[in-house]
Amino acid sequence: MSSNEPRRAGPAEVGCDDRRRFELELEFLHCLANPGYLNWLAQNRYLDDPAFLSYLQYLQYWLQPAYARFVVYPHALYFLDLLQTPEFRAKIANPAYKETVHTQQFFYWQFARANRLCEKAAAGGGGTGGGGGGPAAAGGGAAAMEVDAVGQQPATG
């Protein structure tokens, strides 16, 4: 362990073995994919607690491919990254902003597969169900969800 890495508590300190810890941390990480839960964390001042922020920093190991392959809800990793910024932590406390983020997330899940197929077909990669008449062509989809941590509105791109 290098001096830059935080000390990792052992099983005796945590109260569970490494397998159970892995499961618990993955379950918590999945909760971060829910904008409503992020709003709750912000409104209940968890996002102001330095110990909690350190824990969120520690969880960034999930971004490594060896761990990310276990993540079912990839928005959890995106929001984990955004939670490292004070701007996003402040904004997610606003219920209107939470609703905007949730709406953008919904549109992403609704249209992401169709958009990927359309992009693949347009790039000449073939694919089934592609074509120009999908949701992306109609302007209803979002190829990727991106929440602007500085601006007011989440942006899709």
C-alpha atoms as a PDB file:
ATOM      1  CA  MET A   1       0.000   0.000   0.000  1.00  0.00           C
ATOM      2  CA  SER A   2       1.450   3.326  -1.033  1.00  0.00           C
ATOM      3  CA  SER A   3       1.308   6.410   1.148  1.00  0.00           C
ATOM      4  CA  ASN A   4      -1.282   7.954  -1.225  1.00  0.00           C
ATOM      5  CA  GLU A   5      -3.838   5.179  -0.727  1.00  0.00           C
ATOM      6  CA  PRO A   6      -6.145   5.411   2.272  1.00  0.00           C
ATOM      7  CA  ARG A   7      -5.832   2.679   4.856  1.00  0.00           C
ATOM      8  CA  ARG A   8      -8.326  -0.111   4.273  1.00  0.00           C
ATOM      9  CA  ALA A   9      -9.986  -1.430   7.417  1.00  0.00           C
ATOM     10  CA  GLY A  10      -9.672  -5.154   8.007  1.00  0.00           C
ATOM     11  CA  PRO A  11     -12.480  -7.685   8.592  1.00  0.00           C
ATOM     12  CA  ALA A  12     -12.238  -7.314  12.391  1.00  0.00           C
ATOM     13  CA  GLU A  13     -12.799  -3.547  12.165  1.00  0.00           C
ATOM     14  CA  VAL A  14     -15.585  -3.765   9.581  1.00  0.00           C
ATOM     15  CA  GLY A  15     -17.435  -6.676  11.133  1.00  0.00           C
ATOM     16  CA  CYS A  16     -17.669  -8.797   7.979  1.00  0.00           C
ATOM     17  CA  ASP A  17     -15.423 -10.737   5.644  1.00  0.00           C
ATOM     18  CA  ASP A  18     -14.144  -9.376   2.332  1.00  0.00           C
ATOM     19  CA  ARG A  19     -16.844 -11.110   0.251  1.00  0.00           C
ATOM     20  CA  ARG A  20     -19.647  -9.577   2.307  1.00  0.00           C
ATOM     21  CA  ARG A  21     -17.920  -6.185   2.230  1.00  0.00           C
ATOM     22  CA  PHE A  22     -17.715  -6.416  -1.566  1.00  0.00           C
ATOM     23  CA  GLU A  23     -21.456  -7.144  -1.736  1.00  0.00           C
ATOM     24  CA  LEU A  24     -22.354  -4.308   0.629  1.00  0.00           C
ATOM     25  CA  GLU A  25     -20.195  -1.760  -1.180  1.00  0.00           C
ATOM     26  CA  LEU A  26     -21.606  -2.841  -4.555  1.00  0.00           C
ATOM     27  CA  GLU A  27     -25.160  -2.561  -3.217  1.00  0.00           C
ATOM     28  CA  PHE A  28     -24.447   0.932  -1.875  1.00  0.00           C
ATOM     29  CA  LEU A  29     -22.806   1.915  -5.162  1.00  0.00           C
ATOM     30  CA  HIS A  30     -25.937   0.814  -7.037  1.00  0.00           C
ATOM     31  CA  CYS A  31     -27.995   3.091  -4.784  1.00  0.00           C
ATOM     32  CA  LEU A  32     -25.985   6.022  -6.133  1.00  0.00           C
ATOM     33  CA  ALA A  33     -27.631   5.498  -9.546  1.00  0.00           C
ATOM     34  CA  ASN A  34     -30.877   6.843  -8.045  1.00  0.00           C
ATOM     35  CA  PRO A  35     -31.153  10.660  -8.198  1.00  0.00           C
ATOM     36  CA  GLY A  36     -33.834  10.522  -5.497  1.00  0.00           C
ATOM     37  CA  TYR A  37     -31.394   8.844  -3.136  1.00  0.00           C
ATOM     38  CA  LEU A  38     -28.693  11.386  -3.984  1.00  0.00           C
ATOM     39  CA  ASN A  39     -31.198  14.141  -3.196  1.00  0.00           C
ATOM     40  CA  TRP A  40     -31.982  12.478   0.138  1.00  0.00           C
ATOM     41  CA  LEU A  41     -28.271  12.227   0.973  1.00  0.00           C
ATOM     42  CA  ALA A  42     -27.831  15.917   0.176  1.00  0.00           C
ATOM     43  CA  GLN A  43     -30.895  17.081   2.102  1.00  0.00           C
ATOM     44  CA  ASN A  44     -29.848  15.067   5.145  1.00  0.00           C
ATOM     45  CA  ARG A  45     -26.369  16.613   5.060  1.00  0.00           C
ATOM     46  CA  TYR A  46     -24.455  13.392   4.325  1.00  0.00           C
ATOM     47  CA  LEU A  47     -22.804  15.147   1.391  1.00  0.00           C
ATOM     48  CA  ASP A  48     -21.439  17.751   3.821  1.00  0.00           C
ATOM     49  CA  ASP A  49     -19.798  15.141   6.079  1.00  0.00           C
ATOM     50  CA  PRO A  50     -16.031  14.842   5.427  1.00  0.00           C
ATOM     51  CA  ALA A  51     -16.040  11.183   6.532  1.00  0.00           C
ATOM     52  CA  PHE A  52     -18.807  10.358   4.042  1.00  0.00           C
ATOM     53  CA  LEU A  53     -16.996  12.252   1.282  1.00  0.00           C
ATOM     54  CA  SER A  54     -13.869  10.243   2.075  1.00  0.00           C
ATOM     55  CA  TYR A  55     -15.925   7.073   1.716  1.00  0.00           C
ATOM     56  CA  LEU A  56     -17.179   8.231  -1.687  1.00  0.00           C
ATOM     57  CA  GLN A  57     -13.577   8.917  -2.680  1.00  0.00           C
ATOM     58  CA  TYR A  58     -12.601   5.422  -1.503  1.00  0.00           C
ATOM     59  CA  LEU A  59     -15.384   3.885  -3.630  1.00  0.00           C
ATOM     60  CA  GLN A  60     -13.744   5.193  -6.784  1.00  0.00           C
ATOM     61  CA  TYR A  61     -11.917   1.866  -7.029  1.00  0.00           C
ATOM     62  CA  TRP A  62     -15.145   0.657  -8.690  1.00  0.00           C
ATOM     63  CA  LEU A  63     -14.119   2.615 -11.783  1.00  0.00           C
ATOM     64  CA  GLN A  64     -11.335   0.086 -12.422  1.00  0.00           C
ATOM     65  CA  PRO A  65     -12.330  -2.492 -15.069  1.00  0.00           C
ATOM     66  CA  ALA A  66     -11.753  -5.408 -12.691  1.00  0.00           C
ATOM     67  CA  TYR A  67     -14.521  -4.058 -10.437  1.00  0.00           C
ATOM     68  CA  ALA A  68     -16.680  -2.128 -12.930  1.00  0.00           C
ATOM     69  CA  ARG A  69     -17.658  -5.390 -14.622  1.00  0.00           C
ATOM     70  CA  PHE A  70     -19.822  -6.190 -11.587  1.00  0.00           C
ATOM     71  CA  VAL A  71     -21.754  -2.919 -11.776  1.00  0.00           C
ATOM     72  CA  VAL A  72     -25.285  -3.405 -13.101  1.00  0.00           C
ATOM     73  CA  TYR A  73     -26.273   0.273 -13.122  1.00  0.00           C
ATOM     74  CA  PRO A  74     -23.503   2.231 -14.880  1.00  0.00           C
ATOM     75  CA  HIS A  75     -25.055   5.576 -13.934  1.00  0.00           C
ATOM     76  CA  ALA A  76     -23.877   4.761 -10.411  1.00  0.00           C
ATOM     77  CA  LEU A  77     -20.284   5.193 -11.583  1.00  0.00           C
ATOM     78  CA  TYR A  78     -21.176   8.404 -13.382  1.00  0.00           C
ATOM     79  CA  PHE A  79     -22.868   9.856 -10.312  1.00  0.00           C
ATOM     80  CA  LEU A  80     -20.038   8.634  -8.056  1.00  0.00           C
ATOM     81  CA  ASP A  81     -17.710  10.708 -10.196  1.00  0.00           C
ATOM     82  CA  LEU A  82     -20.034  13.742 -10.091  1.00  0.00           C
ATOM     83  CA  LEU A  83     -20.338  13.463  -6.303  1.00  0.00           C
ATOM     84  CA  GLN A  84     -16.640  14.313  -6.093  1.00  0.00           C
ATOM     85  CA  THR A  85     -17.514  17.885  -7.168  1.00  0.00           C
ATOM     86  CA  PRO A  86     -18.936  20.406  -4.686  1.00  0.00           C
ATOM     87  CA  GLU A  87     -21.116  21.976  -7.405  1.00  0.00           C
ATOM     88  CA  PHE A  88     -23.040  18.781  -8.091  1.00  0.00           C
ATOM     89  CA  ARG A  89     -23.367  17.974  -4.378  1.00  0.00           C
ATOM     90  CA  ALA A  90     -24.952  21.396  -3.816  1.00  0.00           C
ATOM     91  CA  LYS A  91     -27.282  21.185  -6.825  1.00  0.00           C
ATOM     92  CA  ILE A  92     -28.588  17.666  -6.197  1.00  0.00           C
ATOM     93  CA  ALA A  93     -30.102  18.944  -2.923  1.00  0.00           C
ATOM     94  CA  ASN A  94     -32.557  20.981  -5.014  1.00  0.00           C
ATOM     95  CA  PRO A  95     -35.687  18.868  -5.707  1.00  0.00           C
ATOM     96  CA  ALA A  96     -36.201  20.531  -9.104  1.00  0.00           C
ATOM     97  CA  TYR A  97     -32.654  19.676 -10.167  1.00  0.00           C
ATOM     98  CA  LYS A  98     -33.120  16.107  -8.913  1.00  0.00           C
ATOM     99  CA  GLU A  99     -36.251  15.804 -11.081  1.00  0.00           C
ATOM    100  CA  THR A 100     -34.396  17.153 -14.110  1.00  0.00           C
ATOM    101  CA  VAL A 101     -31.579  14.662 -13.589  1.00  0.00           C
ATOM    102  CA  HIS A 102     -34.092  11.844 -13.117  1.00  0.00           C
ATOM    103  CA  THR A 103     -35.929  12.809 -16.315  1.00  0.00           C
ATOM    104  CA  GLN A 104     -32.687  12.868 -18.304  1.00  0.00           C
ATOM    105  CA  GLN A 105     -31.747   9.503 -16.840  1.00  0.00           C
ATOM    106  CA  PHE A 106     -35.135   8.104 -17.867  1.00  0.00           C
ATOM    107  CA  PHE A 107     -34.694   9.353 -21.418  1.00  0.00           C
ATOM    108  CA  TYR A 108     -31.245   7.818 -21.557  1.00  0.00           C
ATOM    109  CA  TRP A 109     -32.537   4.403 -20.533  1.00  0.00           C
ATOM    110  CA  GLN A 110     -35.539   4.714 -22.842  1.00  0.00           C
ATOM    111  CA  PHE A 111     -33.564   5.565 -25.968  1.00  0.00           C
ATOM    112  CA  ALA A 112     -29.942   4.464 -25.434  1.00  0.00           C
ATOM    113  CA  ARG A 113     -30.162   1.082 -27.189  1.00  0.00           C
ATOM    114  CA  ALA A 114     -32.056   2.469 -30.185  1.00  0.00           C
ATOM    115  CA  ASN A 115     -29.576   5.336 -30.466  1.00  0.00           C
ATOM    116  CA  ARG A 116     -26.603   2.982 -30.372  1.00  0.00           C
ATOM    117  CA  LEU A 117     -28.166   0.866 -33.123  1.00  0.00           C
ATOM    118  CA  CYS A 118     -28.847   3.962 -35.235  1.00  0.00           C
ATOM    119  CA  GLU A 119     -25.288   5.221 -34.720  1.00  0.00           C
ATOM    120  CA  LYS A 120     -23.892   1.804 -35.608  1.00  0.00           C
ATOM    121  CA  ALA A 121     -26.001   1.668 -38.785  1.00  0.00           C
ATOM    122  CA  ALA A 122     -25.032   5.223 -39.745  1.00  0.00           C
ATOM    123  CA  ALA A 123     -21.347   4.372 -39.264  1.00  0.00           C
ATOM    124  CA  GLY A 124     -21.742   1.482 -41.682  1.00  0.00           C
ATOM    125  CA  GLY A 125     -21.497  -1.139 -38.968  1.00  0.00           C
ATOM    126  CA  GLY A 126     -24.818  -2.677 -39.947  1.00  0.00           C
ATOM    127  CA  GLY A 127     -26.904  -3.866 -37.052  1.00  0.00           C
ATOM    128  CA  THR A 128     -30.539  -4.775 -36.886  1.00  0.00           C
ATOM    129  CA  GLY A 129     -33.296  -2.289 -36.293  1.00  0.00           C
ATOM    130  CA  GLY A 130     -31.019   0.641 -37.177  1.00  0.00           C
ATOM    131  CA  GLY A 131     -32.186   2.949 -39.893  1.00  0.00           C
ATOM    132  CA  GLY A 132     -32.963   6.606 -39.847  1.00  0.00           C
ATOM    133  CA  GLY A 133     -36.453   6.511 -38.395  1.00  0.00           C
ATOM    134  CA  GLY A 134     -35.568   5.686 -34.774  1.00  0.00           C
ATOM    135  CA  PRO A 135     -36.049   7.862 -31.725  1.00  0.00           C
ATOM    136  CA  ALA A 136     -32.707   9.589 -32.227  1.00  0.00           C
ATOM    137  CA  ALA A 137     -33.696  10.724 -35.706  1.00  0.00           C
ATOM    138  CA  ALA A 138     -36.984  12.043 -34.350  1.00  0.00           C
ATOM    139  CA  GLY A 139     -35.110  14.081 -31.764  1.00  0.00           C
ATOM    140  CA  GLY A 140     -36.559  12.173 -28.818  1.00  0.00           C
ATOM    141  CA  GLY A 141     -33.490  10.301 -27.630  1.00  0.00           C
ATOM    142  CA  ALA A 142     -30.269  10.969 -25.896  1.00  0.00           C
ATOM    143  CA  ALA A 143     -27.196   9.110 -27.079  1.00  0.00           C
ATOM    144  CA  ALA A 144     -25.565   9.655 -23.707  1.00  0.00           C
ATOM    145  CA  MET A 145     -26.580  11.271 -20.455  1.00  0.00           C
ATOM    146  CA  GLU A 146     -24.341  13.964 -19.145  1.00  0.00           C
ATOM    147  CA  VAL A 147     -25.226  16.090 -16.157  1.00  0.00           C
ATOM    148  CA  ASP A 148     -23.502  19.427 -16.272  1.00  0.00           C
ATOM    149  CA  ALA A 149     -22.068  19.953 -12.787  1.00  0.00           C
ATOM    150  CA  VAL A 150     -21.727  23.690 -13.370  1.00  0.00           C
ATOM    151  CA  GLY A 151     -24.770  24.574 -15.512  1.00  0.00           C
ATOM    152  CA  GLN A 152     -28.388  24.316 -14.421  1.00  0.00           C
ATOM    153  CA  GLN A 153     -29.630  21.727 -16.875  1.00  0.00           C
ATOM    154  CA  PRO A 154     -28.332  18.227 -17.508  1.00  0.00           C
ATOM    155  CA  ALA A 155     -27.056  18.048 -21.044  1.00  0.00           C
ATOM    156  CA  THR A 156     -27.450  15.192 -23.466  1.00  0.00           C
ATOM    157  CA  GLY A 157     -24.957  14.569 -26.148  1.00  0.00           C
END
